[in-house]
Amino acid sequence: MTHIITDRPDNIREYLLSQLKKQLYYRTQKSLQEPSYFTNEDFETMFETYDLIKQGYIRFDCLIQALGLVGVRNPIEAIREDFPEISNDSRITRPKFVQVMMAEFTKWGFS
């Protein structure tokens, strides 16, 4: 529905059909991640929901959970590969959280 509001297609029925076909394609291509629709601001808001007591950082397991919520498959492997400086004991700050989320979210070309 978000795509309809932002893209404003002329033919909504054809647009929805193409979106459904795209979803089916990603479900049959196990090596690909299904696209979704997130921005930096969305990830900053997501960080705030994890940083309830306003410490300025979150734990590693919260980052892994957030990556899973946006559709990153095997988030621990993704972090180990793309951000080796982050460990299970790391404190992830807001800028690092947003950087990681955007990098992993757009890894397959989705933005």
N, C-alpha and C. Protein backbone atom coordinates (compact mmCIF):
# COMPACT_ATOMS: atom_id res chain seq x y z
N MET A 1 0.82 -1.19 0.00
CA MET A 1 0.00 0.00 0.00
C MET A 1 0.86 1.26 0.00
N THR A 2 2.00 1.19 0.69
CA THR A 2 2.90 2.34 0.71
C THR A 2 3.37 2.68 -0.69
N HIS A 3 3.69 1.66 -1.46
CA HIS A 3 4.15 1.90 -2.83
C HIS A 3 3.07 2.56 -3.68
N ILE A 4 1.82 2.19 -3.49
CA ILE A 4 0.72 2.82 -4.24
C ILE A 4 0.64 4.30 -3.91
N ILE A 5 0.77 4.61 -2.64
CA ILE A 5 0.67 6.01 -2.21
C ILE A 5 1.84 6.83 -2.75
N THR A 6 3.05 6.27 -2.70
CA THR A 6 4.21 7.04 -3.14
C THR A 6 4.41 7.00 -4.65
N ASP A 7 4.12 5.86 -5.30
CA ASP A 7 4.33 5.74 -6.75
C ASP A 7 3.17 6.29 -7.57
N ARG A 8 1.98 6.26 -7.00
CA ARG A 8 0.76 6.75 -7.66
C ARG A 8 0.61 6.21 -9.09
N PRO A 9 0.50 4.90 -9.22
CA PRO A 9 0.39 4.32 -10.56
C PRO A 9 -0.94 4.68 -11.23
N ASP A 10 -0.92 4.76 -12.57
CA ASP A 10 -2.14 5.06 -13.31
C ASP A 10 -3.14 3.92 -13.21
N ASN A 11 -2.64 2.69 -13.31
CA ASN A 11 -3.51 1.53 -13.25
C ASN A 11 -3.15 0.72 -12.00
N ILE A 12 -3.92 0.90 -10.97
CA ILE A 12 -3.61 0.27 -9.68
C ILE A 12 -3.69 -1.25 -9.78
N ARG A 13 -4.66 -1.75 -10.51
CA ARG A 13 -4.81 -3.21 -10.64
C ARG A 13 -3.55 -3.83 -11.28
N GLU A 14 -3.07 -3.25 -12.37
CA GLU A 14 -1.85 -3.77 -13.01
C GLU A 14 -0.65 -3.61 -12.10
N TYR A 15 -0.60 -2.51 -11.40
CA TYR A 15 0.51 -2.26 -10.48
C TYR A 15 0.53 -3.31 -9.37
N LEU A 16 -0.64 -3.58 -8.77
CA LEU A 16 -0.72 -4.59 -7.72
C LEU A 16 -0.33 -5.97 -8.24
N LEU A 17 -0.77 -6.28 -9.45
CA LEU A 17 -0.42 -7.57 -10.04
C LEU A 17 1.10 -7.68 -10.22
N SER A 18 1.73 -6.63 -10.69
CA SER A 18 3.19 -6.66 -10.86
C SER A 18 3.90 -6.79 -9.51
N GLN A 19 3.36 -6.13 -8.48
CA GLN A 19 3.95 -6.24 -7.15
C GLN A 19 3.81 -7.65 -6.59
N LEU A 20 2.66 -8.27 -6.82
CA LEU A 20 2.46 -9.64 -6.37
C LEU A 20 3.38 -10.61 -7.10
N LYS A 21 3.57 -10.39 -8.40
CA LYS A 21 4.50 -11.24 -9.16
C LYS A 21 5.92 -11.07 -8.62
N LYS A 22 6.28 -9.85 -8.28
CA LYS A 22 7.61 -9.60 -7.73
C LYS A 22 7.78 -10.33 -6.39
N GLN A 23 6.76 -10.28 -5.56
CA GLN A 23 6.81 -10.99 -4.28
C GLN A 23 6.97 -12.49 -4.48
N LEU A 24 6.21 -13.04 -5.43
CA LEU A 24 6.31 -14.47 -5.73
C LEU A 24 7.71 -14.82 -6.21
N TYR A 25 8.28 -13.97 -7.05
CA TYR A 25 9.63 -14.20 -7.55
C TYR A 25 10.63 -14.30 -6.39
N TYR A 26 10.57 -13.37 -5.47
CA TYR A 26 11.52 -13.37 -4.36
C TYR A 26 11.30 -14.55 -3.41
N ARG A 27 10.10 -15.02 -3.33
CA ARG A 27 9.85 -16.20 -2.48
C ARG A 27 10.40 -17.47 -3.10
N THR A 28 10.52 -17.50 -4.43
CA THR A 28 11.07 -18.69 -5.10
C THR A 28 12.58 -18.60 -5.28
N GLN A 29 13.15 -17.43 -5.10
CA GLN A 29 14.59 -17.22 -5.21
C GLN A 29 15.19 -17.13 -3.81
N LYS A 30 15.48 -18.26 -3.23
CA LYS A 30 15.90 -18.32 -1.82
C LYS A 30 17.18 -17.55 -1.53
N SER A 31 18.01 -17.31 -2.55
CA SER A 31 19.27 -16.61 -2.31
C SER A 31 19.10 -15.09 -2.28
N LEU A 32 17.94 -14.60 -2.63
CA LEU A 32 17.70 -13.16 -2.65
C LEU A 32 16.84 -12.73 -1.48
N GLN A 33 16.99 -11.46 -1.13
CA GLN A 33 16.17 -10.90 -0.08
C GLN A 33 15.00 -10.16 -0.70
N GLU A 34 13.86 -10.29 -0.11
CA GLU A 34 12.67 -9.62 -0.59
C GLU A 34 12.79 -8.12 -0.30
N PRO A 35 12.50 -7.28 -1.30
CA PRO A 35 12.61 -5.83 -1.06
C PRO A 35 11.55 -5.34 -0.10
N SER A 36 11.86 -4.27 0.53
CA SER A 36 10.93 -3.64 1.44
C SER A 36 11.16 -2.14 1.34
N TYR A 37 10.56 -1.35 2.14
CA TYR A 37 10.52 0.09 1.92
C TYR A 37 10.89 0.84 3.19
N PHE A 38 12.19 1.04 3.42
CA PHE A 38 12.65 1.72 4.63
C PHE A 38 13.60 2.85 4.28
N THR A 39 13.64 3.87 5.13
CA THR A 39 14.53 5.01 4.96
C THR A 39 15.43 5.15 6.19
N ASN A 40 16.41 6.05 6.12
CA ASN A 40 17.25 6.34 7.28
C ASN A 40 16.40 6.74 8.48
N GLU A 41 15.38 7.56 8.22
CA GLU A 41 14.52 8.01 9.32
C GLU A 41 13.80 6.84 9.97
N ASP A 42 13.39 5.88 9.16
CA ASP A 42 12.75 4.68 9.72
C ASP A 42 13.71 3.94 10.64
N PHE A 43 14.97 3.84 10.22
CA PHE A 43 15.95 3.13 11.02
C PHE A 43 16.30 3.91 12.29
N GLU A 44 16.30 5.24 12.21
CA GLU A 44 16.53 6.03 13.42
C GLU A 44 15.39 5.83 14.41
N THR A 45 14.18 5.80 13.92
CA THR A 45 13.02 5.54 14.78
C THR A 45 13.10 4.15 15.37
N MET A 46 13.52 3.19 14.56
CA MET A 46 13.66 1.82 15.04
C MET A 46 14.70 1.77 16.17
N PHE A 47 15.80 2.50 16.01
CA PHE A 47 16.82 2.55 17.05
C PHE A 47 16.21 3.05 18.36
N GLU A 48 15.41 4.10 18.27
CA GLU A 48 14.79 4.68 19.46
C GLU A 48 13.89 3.67 20.18
N THR A 49 13.25 2.79 19.44
CA THR A 49 12.39 1.80 20.07
C THR A 49 13.20 0.76 20.84
N TYR A 50 14.44 0.54 20.41
CA TYR A 50 15.31 -0.39 21.15
C TYR A 50 16.02 0.31 22.31
N ASP A 51 16.30 1.60 22.17
CA ASP A 51 17.00 2.35 23.20
C ASP A 51 15.98 3.03 24.13
N LEU A 52 15.22 2.21 24.82
CA LEU A 52 14.11 2.72 25.64
C LEU A 52 14.55 3.64 26.76
N ILE A 53 15.69 3.36 27.36
CA ILE A 53 16.11 4.20 28.49
C ILE A 53 17.14 5.25 28.06
N LYS A 54 17.23 5.47 26.77
CA LYS A 54 18.04 6.57 26.19
C LYS A 54 19.50 6.52 26.62
N GLN A 55 20.11 5.35 26.49
CA GLN A 55 21.53 5.20 26.81
C GLN A 55 22.43 5.71 25.68
N GLY A 56 21.87 5.75 24.46
CA GLY A 56 22.67 6.16 23.30
C GLY A 56 23.28 4.99 22.56
N TYR A 57 22.96 3.78 23.01
CA TYR A 57 23.45 2.58 22.34
C TYR A 57 22.48 1.43 22.61
N ILE A 58 22.61 0.40 21.77
CA ILE A 58 21.82 -0.82 21.99
C ILE A 58 22.76 -2.02 21.96
N ARG A 59 22.25 -3.16 22.37
CA ARG A 59 23.03 -4.40 22.38
C ARG A 59 23.03 -5.06 21.01
N PHE A 60 23.97 -5.95 20.83
CA PHE A 60 24.14 -6.71 19.59
C PHE A 60 22.87 -7.48 19.24
N ASP A 61 22.24 -8.12 20.21
CA ASP A 61 21.05 -8.92 19.92
C ASP A 61 19.89 -8.07 19.40
N CYS A 62 19.83 -6.81 19.81
CA CYS A 62 18.80 -5.91 19.29
C CYS A 62 19.06 -5.59 17.82
N LEU A 63 20.32 -5.40 17.49
CA LEU A 63 20.68 -5.16 16.09
C LEU A 63 20.31 -6.36 15.23
N ILE A 64 20.61 -7.55 15.70
CA ILE A 64 20.29 -8.77 14.96
C ILE A 64 18.78 -8.89 14.78
N GLN A 65 18.02 -8.61 15.83
CA GLN A 65 16.56 -8.67 15.73
C GLN A 65 16.05 -7.66 14.71
N ALA A 66 16.57 -6.44 14.74
CA ALA A 66 16.14 -5.40 13.81
C ALA A 66 16.44 -5.79 12.37
N LEU A 67 17.61 -6.36 12.13
CA LEU A 67 17.96 -6.81 10.78
C LEU A 67 16.97 -7.88 10.30
N GLY A 68 16.61 -8.79 11.18
CA GLY A 68 15.64 -9.81 10.82
C GLY A 68 14.28 -9.21 10.49
N LEU A 69 13.89 -8.16 11.22
CA LEU A 69 12.60 -7.54 10.98
C LEU A 69 12.50 -6.89 9.61
N VAL A 70 13.60 -6.41 9.07
CA VAL A 70 13.56 -5.78 7.74
C VAL A 70 13.86 -6.78 6.63
N GLY A 71 13.98 -8.05 6.99
CA GLY A 71 14.11 -9.07 5.96
C GLY A 71 15.51 -9.56 5.66
N VAL A 72 16.50 -9.17 6.45
CA VAL A 72 17.86 -9.64 6.21
C VAL A 72 17.94 -11.10 6.63
N ARG A 73 18.28 -11.93 5.69
CA ARG A 73 18.44 -13.35 5.99
C ARG A 73 19.80 -13.58 6.61
N ASN A 74 19.86 -14.41 7.60
CA ASN A 74 21.11 -14.73 8.30
C ASN A 74 21.82 -13.46 8.78
N PRO A 75 21.19 -12.67 9.62
CA PRO A 75 21.77 -11.39 10.04
C PRO A 75 23.11 -11.52 10.76
N ILE A 76 23.30 -12.59 11.53
CA ILE A 76 24.59 -12.75 12.22
C ILE A 76 25.71 -12.94 11.21
N GLU A 77 25.46 -13.77 10.21
CA GLU A 77 26.47 -13.97 9.16
C GLU A 77 26.74 -12.67 8.41
N ALA A 78 25.69 -11.91 8.12
CA ALA A 78 25.85 -10.64 7.41
C ALA A 78 26.73 -9.68 8.21
N ILE A 79 26.49 -9.59 9.51
CA ILE A 79 27.29 -8.71 10.36
C ILE A 79 28.74 -9.18 10.40
N ARG A 80 28.94 -10.46 10.59
CA ARG A 80 30.31 -11.00 10.64
C ARG A 80 31.07 -10.71 9.36
N GLU A 81 30.38 -10.80 8.23
CA GLU A 81 31.02 -10.58 6.93
C GLU A 81 31.25 -9.11 6.63
N ASP A 82 30.23 -8.29 6.86
CA ASP A 82 30.29 -6.89 6.43
C ASP A 82 30.76 -5.91 7.50
N PHE A 83 30.63 -6.28 8.76
CA PHE A 83 31.02 -5.40 9.86
C PHE A 83 31.78 -6.20 10.92
N PRO A 84 32.97 -6.68 10.57
CA PRO A 84 33.71 -7.52 11.51
C PRO A 84 34.08 -6.82 12.81
N GLU A 85 34.03 -5.50 12.82
CA GLU A 85 34.36 -4.77 14.04
C GLU A 85 33.24 -4.88 15.09
N ILE A 86 32.06 -5.34 14.68
CA ILE A 86 30.95 -5.50 15.61
C ILE A 86 30.96 -6.93 16.15
N SER A 87 30.96 -7.04 17.47
CA SER A 87 30.96 -8.36 18.11
C SER A 87 29.72 -8.50 19.00
N ASN A 88 29.56 -9.66 19.58
CA ASN A 88 28.43 -9.91 20.48
C ASN A 88 28.41 -8.97 21.67
N ASP A 89 29.56 -8.42 22.05
CA ASP A 89 29.67 -7.54 23.20
C ASP A 89 29.61 -6.05 22.83
N SER A 90 29.45 -5.77 21.55
CA SER A 90 29.48 -4.37 21.09
C SER A 90 28.27 -3.59 21.58
N ARG A 91 28.51 -2.32 21.79
CA ARG A 91 27.43 -1.36 22.04
C ARG A 91 27.25 -0.62 20.72
N ILE A 92 26.08 -0.73 20.14
CA ILE A 92 25.83 -0.15 18.83
C ILE A 92 25.15 1.20 19.01
N THR A 93 25.83 2.25 18.55
CA THR A 93 25.29 3.60 18.64
C THR A 93 24.28 3.83 17.52
N ARG A 94 23.54 4.90 17.62
CA ARG A 94 22.55 5.24 16.59
C ARG A 94 23.19 5.37 15.21
N PRO A 95 24.28 6.14 15.05
CA PRO A 95 24.88 6.24 13.70
C PRO A 95 25.32 4.87 13.16
N LYS A 96 25.91 4.05 14.00
CA LYS A 96 26.36 2.72 13.55
C LYS A 96 25.15 1.85 13.21
N PHE A 97 24.11 1.92 14.02
CA PHE A 97 22.89 1.16 13.76
C PHE A 97 22.31 1.52 12.39
N VAL A 98 22.17 2.82 12.13
CA VAL A 98 21.61 3.27 10.85
C VAL A 98 22.52 2.85 9.70
N GLN A 99 23.83 2.98 9.89
CA GLN A 99 24.78 2.57 8.85
C GLN A 99 24.62 1.08 8.52
N VAL A 100 24.59 0.26 9.55
CA VAL A 100 24.46 -1.19 9.35
C VAL A 100 23.12 -1.53 8.71
N MET A 101 22.05 -0.95 9.22
CA MET A 101 20.73 -1.25 8.68
C MET A 101 20.62 -0.86 7.22
N MET A 102 21.09 0.33 6.86
CA MET A 102 21.02 0.76 5.46
C MET A 102 21.91 -0.11 4.58
N ALA A 103 23.09 -0.42 5.06
CA ALA A 103 24.02 -1.23 4.26
C ALA A 103 23.43 -2.61 3.99
N GLU A 104 22.91 -3.24 5.01
CA GLU A 104 22.37 -4.59 4.84
C GLU A 104 21.05 -4.56 4.07
N PHE A 105 20.25 -3.54 4.30
CA PHE A 105 18.98 -3.41 3.60
C PHE A 105 19.18 -3.19 2.11
N THR A 106 20.19 -2.40 1.76
CA THR A 106 20.43 -2.09 0.35
C THR A 106 21.44 -3.02 -0.31
N LYS A 107 21.92 -3.97 0.43
CA LYS A 107 22.96 -4.89 -0.09
C LYS A 107 22.57 -5.52 -1.42
N TRP A 108 21.31 -5.84 -1.55
CA TRP A 108 20.84 -6.49 -2.79
C TRP A 108 20.24 -5.47 -3.75
N GLY A 109 20.49 -4.18 -3.49
CA GLY A 109 20.00 -3.16 -4.41
C GLY A 109 18.63 -2.61 -4.09
N PHE A 110 18.13 -2.86 -2.87
CA PHE A 110 16.82 -2.34 -2.50
C PHE A 110 17.01 -1.09 -1.66
N SER A 111 16.24 -0.07 -2.01
CA SER A 111 16.30 1.15 -1.21
C SER A 111 14.99 1.89 -1.28
